[in-house]
Amino acid sequence: MKEKKDKQSQLKFYAIYSSLAIQMAVIVVAGAFGGRELDKWLQWHFPVFTVVLTILGIVLSILYAIREIFKHQKK
């Protein structure tokens, strides 16, 4: 019986953190895509919005991950 709970616990652990990784990737890609589209629309030669929104996406995804990790550790 204990083995079944351990396997369920491991599966839950992997499910939580793999979905967190996917969510982080989506945040970063959304920032990069949005920045690229803004740069195309404004027809700028240097991709300012792509760089800024990609970095912002990375920072936001890290903050999101930290918040989620602390939330799951409290349980």
PDB file of N, CA and C in Angstrom:
ATOM      1  N   MET A   1       0.820  -1.194   0.000  1.00  0.00           N
ATOM      2  CA  MET A   1       0.000   0.000   0.000  1.00  0.00           C
ATOM      3  C   MET A   1       0.865   1.260   0.000  1.00  0.00           C
ATOM      4  N   LYS A   2       1.979   1.194   0.746  1.00  0.00           N
ATOM      5  CA  LYS A   2       2.857   2.349   0.832  1.00  0.00           C
ATOM      6  C   LYS A   2       3.506   2.642  -0.522  1.00  0.00           C
ATOM      7  N   GLU A   3       3.828   1.590  -1.280  1.00  0.00           N
ATOM      8  CA  GLU A   3       4.431   1.782  -2.595  1.00  0.00           C
ATOM      9  C   GLU A   3       3.485   2.529  -3.528  1.00  0.00           C
ATOM     10  N   LYS A   4       2.211   2.226  -3.439  1.00  0.00           N
ATOM     11  CA  LYS A   4       1.233   2.894  -4.294  1.00  0.00           C
ATOM     12  C   LYS A   4       1.167   4.383  -3.961  1.00  0.00           C
ATOM     13  N   LYS A   5       1.194   4.712  -2.674  1.00  0.00           N
ATOM     14  CA  LYS A   5       1.173   6.126  -2.284  1.00  0.00           C
ATOM     15  C   LYS A   5       2.445   6.834  -2.721  1.00  0.00           C
ATOM     16  N   ASP A   6       3.585   6.137  -2.625  1.00  0.00           N
ATOM     17  CA  ASP A   6       4.844   6.734  -3.072  1.00  0.00           C
ATOM     18  C   ASP A   6       4.819   7.014  -4.565  1.00  0.00           C
ATOM     19  N   LYS A   7       4.293   6.077  -5.343  1.00  0.00           N
ATOM     20  CA  LYS A   7       4.204   6.272  -6.785  1.00  0.00           C
ATOM     21  C   LYS A   7       3.253   7.410  -7.131  1.00  0.00           C
ATOM     22  N   GLN A   8       2.132   7.498  -6.401  1.00  0.00           N
ATOM     23  CA  GLN A   8       1.190   8.592  -6.636  1.00  0.00           C
ATOM     24  C   GLN A   8       1.821   9.914  -6.252  1.00  0.00           C
ATOM     25  N   SER A   9       2.586   9.918  -5.175  1.00  0.00           N
ATOM     26  CA  SER A   9       3.259  11.130  -4.735  1.00  0.00           C
ATOM     27  C   SER A   9       4.284  11.591  -5.774  1.00  0.00           C
ATOM     28  N   GLN A  10       5.047  10.643  -6.310  1.00  0.00           N
ATOM     29  CA  GLN A  10       6.028  10.980  -7.333  1.00  0.00           C
ATOM     30  C   GLN A  10       5.344  11.475  -8.603  1.00  0.00           C
ATOM     31  N   LEU A  11       4.271  10.830  -8.982  1.00  0.00           N
ATOM     32  CA  LEU A  11       3.543  11.237 -10.174  1.00  0.00           C
ATOM     33  C   LEU A  11       2.980  12.644 -10.005  1.00  0.00           C
ATOM     34  N   LYS A  12       2.443  12.922  -8.840  1.00  0.00           N
ATOM     35  CA  LYS A  12       1.910  14.261  -8.563  1.00  0.00           C
ATOM     36  C   LYS A  12       3.027  15.299  -8.615  1.00  0.00           C
ATOM     37  N   PHE A  13       4.179  14.957  -8.039  1.00  0.00           N
ATOM     38  CA  PHE A  13       5.337  15.848  -8.055  1.00  0.00           C
ATOM     39  C   PHE A  13       5.740  16.180  -9.486  1.00  0.00           C
ATOM     40  N   TYR A  14       5.885  15.155 -10.335  1.00  0.00           N
ATOM     41  CA  TYR A  14       6.277  15.370 -11.725  1.00  0.00           C
ATOM     42  C   TYR A  14       5.208  16.129 -12.504  1.00  0.00           C
ATOM     43  N   ALA A  15       3.954  15.863 -12.231  1.00  0.00           N
ATOM     44  CA  ALA A  15       2.873  16.559 -12.930  1.00  0.00           C
ATOM     45  C   ALA A  15       2.871  18.046 -12.595  1.00  0.00           C
ATOM     46  N   ILE A  16       3.053  18.357 -11.330  1.00  0.00           N
ATOM     47  CA  ILE A  16       3.038  19.759 -10.901  1.00  0.00           C
ATOM     48  C   ILE A  16       4.191  20.528 -11.539  1.00  0.00           C
ATOM     49  N   TYR A  17       5.391  19.972 -11.446  1.00  0.00           N
ATOM     50  CA  TYR A  17       6.554  20.722 -11.910  1.00  0.00           C
ATOM     51  C   TYR A  17       6.736  20.674 -13.423  1.00  0.00           C
ATOM     52  N   SER A  18       6.238  19.669 -14.089  1.00  0.00           N
ATOM     53  CA  SER A  18       6.304  19.698 -15.550  1.00  0.00           C
ATOM     54  C   SER A  18       5.274  20.687 -16.108  1.00  0.00           C
ATOM     55  N   SER A  19       4.119  20.779 -15.482  1.00  0.00           N
ATOM     56  CA  SER A  19       3.150  21.779 -15.934  1.00  0.00           C
ATOM     57  C   SER A  19       3.654  23.185 -15.630  1.00  0.00           C
ATOM     58  N   LEU A  20       4.391  23.346 -14.539  1.00  0.00           N
ATOM     59  CA  LEU A  20       4.987  24.637 -14.218  1.00  0.00           C
ATOM     60  C   LEU A  20       6.003  25.035 -15.288  1.00  0.00           C
ATOM     61  N   ALA A  21       6.805  24.086 -15.742  1.00  0.00           N
ATOM     62  CA  ALA A  21       7.789  24.363 -16.789  1.00  0.00           C
ATOM     63  C   ALA A  21       7.107  24.758 -18.101  1.00  0.00           C
ATOM     64  N   ILE A  22       6.025  24.094 -18.424  1.00  0.00           N
ATOM     65  CA  ILE A  22       5.288  24.430 -19.643  1.00  0.00           C
ATOM     66  C   ILE A  22       4.687  25.830 -19.541  1.00  0.00           C
ATOM     67  N   GLN A  23       4.144  26.162 -18.385  1.00  0.00           N
ATOM     68  CA  GLN A  23       3.573  27.492 -18.186  1.00  0.00           C
ATOM     69  C   GLN A  23       4.645  28.571 -18.277  1.00  0.00           C
ATOM     70  N   MET A  24       5.821  28.296 -17.736  1.00  0.00           N
ATOM     71  CA  MET A  24       6.922  29.257 -17.830  1.00  0.00           C
ATOM     72  C   MET A  24       7.329  29.468 -19.289  1.00  0.00           C
ATOM     73  N   ALA A  25       7.402  28.387 -20.044  1.00  0.00           N
ATOM     74  CA  ALA A  25       7.769  28.494 -21.458  1.00  0.00           C
ATOM     75  C   ALA A  25       6.735  29.297 -22.238  1.00  0.00           C
ATOM     76  N   VAL A  26       5.473  29.096 -21.924  1.00  0.00           N
ATOM     77  CA  VAL A  26       4.410  29.836 -22.614  1.00  0.00           C
ATOM     78  C   VAL A  26       4.514  31.326 -22.315  1.00  0.00           C
ATOM     79  N   ILE A  27       4.832  31.689 -21.085  1.00  0.00           N
ATOM     80  CA  ILE A  27       4.976  33.103 -20.719  1.00  0.00           C
ATOM     81  C   ILE A  27       6.117  33.742 -21.507  1.00  0.00           C
ATOM     82  N   VAL A  28       7.254  33.058 -21.585  1.00  0.00           N
ATOM     83  CA  VAL A  28       8.411  33.601 -22.300  1.00  0.00           C
ATOM     84  C   VAL A  28       8.128  33.706 -23.798  1.00  0.00           C
ATOM     85  N   VAL A  29       7.537  32.673 -24.373  1.00  0.00           N
ATOM     86  CA  VAL A  29       7.233  32.687 -25.807  1.00  0.00           C
ATOM     87  C   VAL A  29       6.200  33.762 -26.130  1.00  0.00           C
ATOM     88  N   ALA A  30       5.221  33.948 -25.260  1.00  0.00           N
ATOM     89  CA  ALA A  30       4.218  34.996 -25.492  1.00  0.00           C
ATOM     90  C   ALA A  30       4.867  36.377 -25.494  1.00  0.00           C
ATOM     91  N   GLY A  31       5.799  36.602 -24.582  1.00  0.00           N
ATOM     92  CA  GLY A  31       6.501  37.883 -24.558  1.00  0.00           C
ATOM     93  C   GLY A  31       7.332  38.093 -25.809  1.00  0.00           C
ATOM     94  N   ALA A  32       8.039  37.065 -26.232  1.00  0.00           N
ATOM     95  CA  ALA A  32       8.875  37.180 -27.430  1.00  0.00           C
ATOM     96  C   ALA A  32       8.020  37.386 -28.678  1.00  0.00           C
ATOM     97  N   PHE A  33       6.943  36.632 -28.780  1.00  0.00           N
ATOM     98  CA  PHE A  33       6.067  36.776 -29.945  1.00  0.00           C
ATOM     99  C   PHE A  33       5.401  38.155 -29.974  1.00  0.00           C
ATOM    100  N   GLY A  34       4.922  38.593 -28.817  1.00  0.00           N
ATOM    101  CA  GLY A  34       4.299  39.914 -28.747  1.00  0.00           C
ATOM    102  C   GLY A  34       5.279  41.021 -29.096  1.00  0.00           C
ATOM    103  N   GLY A  35       6.505  40.913 -28.614  1.00  0.00           N
ATOM    104  CA  GLY A  35       7.527  41.902 -28.941  1.00  0.00           C
ATOM    105  C   GLY A  35       7.876  41.906 -30.418  1.00  0.00           C
ATOM    106  N   ARG A  36       7.965  40.709 -30.990  1.00  0.00           N
ATOM    107  CA  ARG A  36       8.272  40.626 -32.419  1.00  0.00           C
ATOM    108  C   ARG A  36       7.171  41.264 -33.260  1.00  0.00           C
ATOM    109  N   GLU A  37       5.931  40.999 -32.881  1.00  0.00           N
ATOM    110  CA  GLU A  37       4.814  41.580 -33.637  1.00  0.00           C
ATOM    111  C   GLU A  37       4.772  43.103 -33.492  1.00  0.00           C
ATOM    112  N   LEU A  38       5.068  43.616 -32.294  1.00  0.00           N
ATOM    113  CA  LEU A  38       5.125  45.069 -32.113  1.00  0.00           C
ATOM    114  C   LEU A  38       6.241  45.685 -32.948  1.00  0.00           C
ATOM    115  N   ASP A  39       7.400  45.034 -32.964  1.00  0.00           N
ATOM    116  CA  ASP A  39       8.500  45.545 -33.773  1.00  0.00           C
ATOM    117  C   ASP A  39       8.167  45.523 -35.258  1.00  0.00           C
ATOM    118  N   LYS A  40       7.485  44.483 -35.708  1.00  0.00           N
ATOM    119  CA  LYS A  40       7.071  44.422 -37.118  1.00  0.00           C
ATOM    120  C   LYS A  40       6.075  45.533 -37.427  1.00  0.00           C
ATOM    121  N   TRP A  41       5.131  45.729 -36.519  1.00  0.00           N
ATOM    122  CA  TRP A  41       4.092  46.732 -36.733  1.00  0.00           C
ATOM    123  C   TRP A  41       4.671  48.136 -36.767  1.00  0.00           C
ATOM    124  N   LEU A  42       5.637  48.412 -35.882  1.00  0.00           N
ATOM    125  CA  LEU A  42       6.265  49.729 -35.836  1.00  0.00           C
ATOM    126  C   LEU A  42       7.392  49.879 -36.855  1.00  0.00           C
ATOM    127  N   GLN A  43       7.814  48.775 -37.461  1.00  0.00           N
ATOM    128  CA  GLN A  43       8.873  48.741 -38.479  1.00  0.00           C
ATOM    129  C   GLN A  43      10.179  49.338 -37.964  1.00  0.00           C
ATOM    130  N   TRP A  44      10.575  48.907 -36.759  1.00  0.00           N
ATOM    131  CA  TRP A  44      11.841  49.358 -36.197  1.00  0.00           C
ATOM    132  C   TRP A  44      12.956  48.451 -36.688  1.00  0.00           C
ATOM    133  N   HIS A  45      14.139  49.037 -36.867  1.00  0.00           N
ATOM    134  CA  HIS A  45      15.272  48.247 -37.353  1.00  0.00           C
ATOM    135  C   HIS A  45      15.882  47.397 -36.234  1.00  0.00           C
ATOM    136  N   PHE A  46      15.948  47.930 -35.029  1.00  0.00           N
ATOM    137  CA  PHE A  46      16.442  47.161 -33.890  1.00  0.00           C
ATOM    138  C   PHE A  46      15.245  46.618 -33.112  1.00  0.00           C
ATOM    139  N   PRO A  47      15.228  45.347 -32.783  1.00  0.00           N
ATOM    140  CA  PRO A  47      14.059  44.735 -32.131  1.00  0.00           C
ATOM    141  C   PRO A  47      13.951  45.076 -30.627  1.00  0.00           C
ATOM    142  N   VAL A  48      13.627  46.309 -30.329  1.00  0.00           N
ATOM    143  CA  VAL A  48      13.558  46.783 -28.945  1.00  0.00           C
ATOM    144  C   VAL A  48      12.486  46.026 -28.160  1.00  0.00           C
ATOM    145  N   PHE A  49      11.297  45.978 -28.693  1.00  0.00           N
ATOM    146  CA  PHE A  49      10.201  45.333 -27.974  1.00  0.00           C
ATOM    147  C   PHE A  49      10.421  43.821 -27.837  1.00  0.00           C
ATOM    148  N   THR A  50      11.035  43.208 -28.814  1.00  0.00           N
ATOM    149  CA  THR A  50      11.327  41.784 -28.711  1.00  0.00           C
ATOM    150  C   THR A  50      12.267  41.512 -27.545  1.00  0.00           C
ATOM    151  N   VAL A  51      13.313  42.300 -27.444  1.00  0.00           N
ATOM    152  CA  VAL A  51      14.282  42.133 -26.360  1.00  0.00           C
ATOM    153  C   VAL A  51      13.637  42.428 -25.009  1.00  0.00           C
ATOM    154  N   VAL A  52      12.953  43.545 -24.914  1.00  0.00           N
ATOM    155  CA  VAL A  52      12.371  43.965 -23.633  1.00  0.00           C
ATOM    156  C   VAL A  52      11.284  42.996 -23.176  1.00  0.00           C
ATOM    157  N   LEU A  53      10.391  42.624 -24.052  1.00  0.00           N
ATOM    158  CA  LEU A  53       9.297  41.738 -23.650  1.00  0.00           C
ATOM    159  C   LEU A  53       9.771  40.305 -23.409  1.00  0.00           C
ATOM    160  N   THR A  54      10.831  39.885 -24.075  1.00  0.00           N
ATOM    161  CA  THR A  54      11.387  38.564 -23.784  1.00  0.00           C
ATOM    162  C   THR A  54      12.015  38.544 -22.392  1.00  0.00           C
ATOM    163  N   ILE A  55      12.779  39.566 -22.076  1.00  0.00           N
ATOM    164  CA  ILE A  55      13.376  39.655 -20.737  1.00  0.00           C
ATOM    165  C   ILE A  55      12.286  39.781 -19.681  1.00  0.00           C
ATOM    166  N   LEU A  56      11.275  40.578 -19.950  1.00  0.00           N
ATOM    167  CA  LEU A  56      10.159  40.708 -19.018  1.00  0.00           C
ATOM    168  C   LEU A  56       9.442  39.371 -18.839  1.00  0.00           C
ATOM    169  N   GLY A  57       9.280  38.620 -19.913  1.00  0.00           N
ATOM    170  CA  GLY A  57       8.661  37.295 -19.832  1.00  0.00           C
ATOM    171  C   GLY A  57       9.480  36.337 -18.988  1.00  0.00           C
ATOM    172  N   ILE A  58      10.802  36.397 -19.121  1.00  0.00           N
ATOM    173  CA  ILE A  58      11.675  35.549 -18.311  1.00  0.00           C
ATOM    174  C   ILE A  58      11.545  35.894 -16.836  1.00  0.00           C
ATOM    175  N   VAL A  59      11.577  37.177 -16.529  1.00  0.00           N
ATOM    176  CA  VAL A  59      11.457  37.615 -15.130  1.00  0.00           C
ATOM    177  C   VAL A  59      10.094  37.227 -14.558  1.00  0.00           C
ATOM    178  N   LEU A  60       9.038  37.452 -15.319  1.00  0.00           N
ATOM    179  CA  LEU A  60       7.700  37.099 -14.839  1.00  0.00           C
ATOM    180  C   LEU A  60       7.542  35.594 -14.652  1.00  0.00           C
ATOM    181  N   SER A  61       8.131  34.814 -15.551  1.00  0.00           N
ATOM    182  CA  SER A  61       8.011  33.360 -15.407  1.00  0.00           C
ATOM    183  C   SER A  61       8.780  32.863 -14.183  1.00  0.00           C
ATOM    184  N   ILE A  62       9.920  33.463 -13.883  1.00  0.00           N
ATOM    185  CA  ILE A  62      10.667  33.083 -12.684  1.00  0.00           C
ATOM    186  C   ILE A  62       9.891  33.452 -11.429  1.00  0.00           C
ATOM    187  N   LEU A  63       9.315  34.642 -11.420  1.00  0.00           N
ATOM    188  CA  LEU A  63       8.504  35.048 -10.266  1.00  0.00           C
ATOM    189  C   LEU A  63       7.288  34.142 -10.090  1.00  0.00           C
ATOM    190  N   TYR A  64       6.666  33.774 -11.194  1.00  0.00           N
ATOM    191  CA  TYR A  64       5.531  32.856 -11.152  1.00  0.00           C
ATOM    192  C   TYR A  64       5.946  31.498 -10.596  1.00  0.00           C
ATOM    193  N   ALA A  65       7.108  31.012 -11.042  1.00  0.00           N
ATOM    194  CA  ALA A  65       7.593  29.715 -10.569  1.00  0.00           C
ATOM    195  C   ALA A  65       7.894  29.746  -9.077  1.00  0.00           C
ATOM    196  N   ILE A  66       8.515  30.808  -8.620  1.00  0.00           N
ATOM    197  CA  ILE A  66       8.824  30.934  -7.192  1.00  0.00           C
ATOM    198  C   ILE A  66       7.537  30.940  -6.371  1.00  0.00           C
ATOM    199  N   ARG A  67       6.553  31.701  -6.832  1.00  0.00           N
ATOM    200  CA  ARG A  67       5.273  31.755  -6.113  1.00  0.00           C
ATOM    201  C   ARG A  67       4.605  30.387  -6.062  1.00  0.00           C
ATOM    202  N   GLU A  68       4.616  29.672  -7.179  1.00  0.00           N
ATOM    203  CA  GLU A  68       3.994  28.348  -7.221  1.00  0.00           C
ATOM    204  C   GLU A  68       4.745  27.339  -6.357  1.00  0.00           C
ATOM    205  N   ILE A  69       6.055  27.407  -6.360  1.00  0.00           N
ATOM    206  CA  ILE A  69       6.845  26.486  -5.540  1.00  0.00           C
ATOM    207  C   ILE A  69       6.567  26.708  -4.070  1.00  0.00           C
ATOM    208  N   PHE A  70       6.530  27.967  -3.641  1.00  0.00           N
ATOM    209  CA  PHE A  70       6.224  28.249  -2.234  1.00  0.00           C
ATOM    210  C   PHE A  70       4.803  27.834  -1.875  1.00  0.00           C
ATOM    211  N   LYS A  71       3.880  27.996  -2.813  1.00  0.00           N
ATOM    212  CA  LYS A  71       2.505  27.617  -2.567  1.00  0.00           C
ATOM    213  C   LYS A  71       2.391  26.100  -2.362  1.00  0.00           C
ATOM    214  N   HIS A  72       3.142  25.327  -3.154  1.00  0.00           N
ATOM    215  CA  HIS A  72       3.077  23.872  -3.051  1.00  0.00           C
ATOM    216  C   HIS A  72       3.858  23.348  -1.857  1.00  0.00           C
ATOM    217  N   GLN A  73       4.858  24.093  -1.393  1.00  0.00           N
ATOM    218  CA  GLN A  73       5.626  23.667  -0.236  1.00  0.00           C
ATOM    219  C   GLN A  73       4.830  23.856   1.057  1.00  0.00           C
ATOM    220  N   LYS A  74       3.904  24.810   1.053  1.00  0.00           N
ATOM    221  CA  LYS A  74       3.090  25.048   2.258  1.00  0.00           C
ATOM    222  C   LYS A  74       2.112  23.909   2.498  1.00  0.00           C
ATOM    223  N   LYS A  75       1.724  23.208   1.419  1.00  0.00           N
ATOM    224  CA  LYS A  75       0.733  22.133   1.546  1.00  0.00           C
ATOM    225  C   LYS A  75       1.306  20.924   2.201  1.00  0.00           C
TER     226      LYS A  75
END
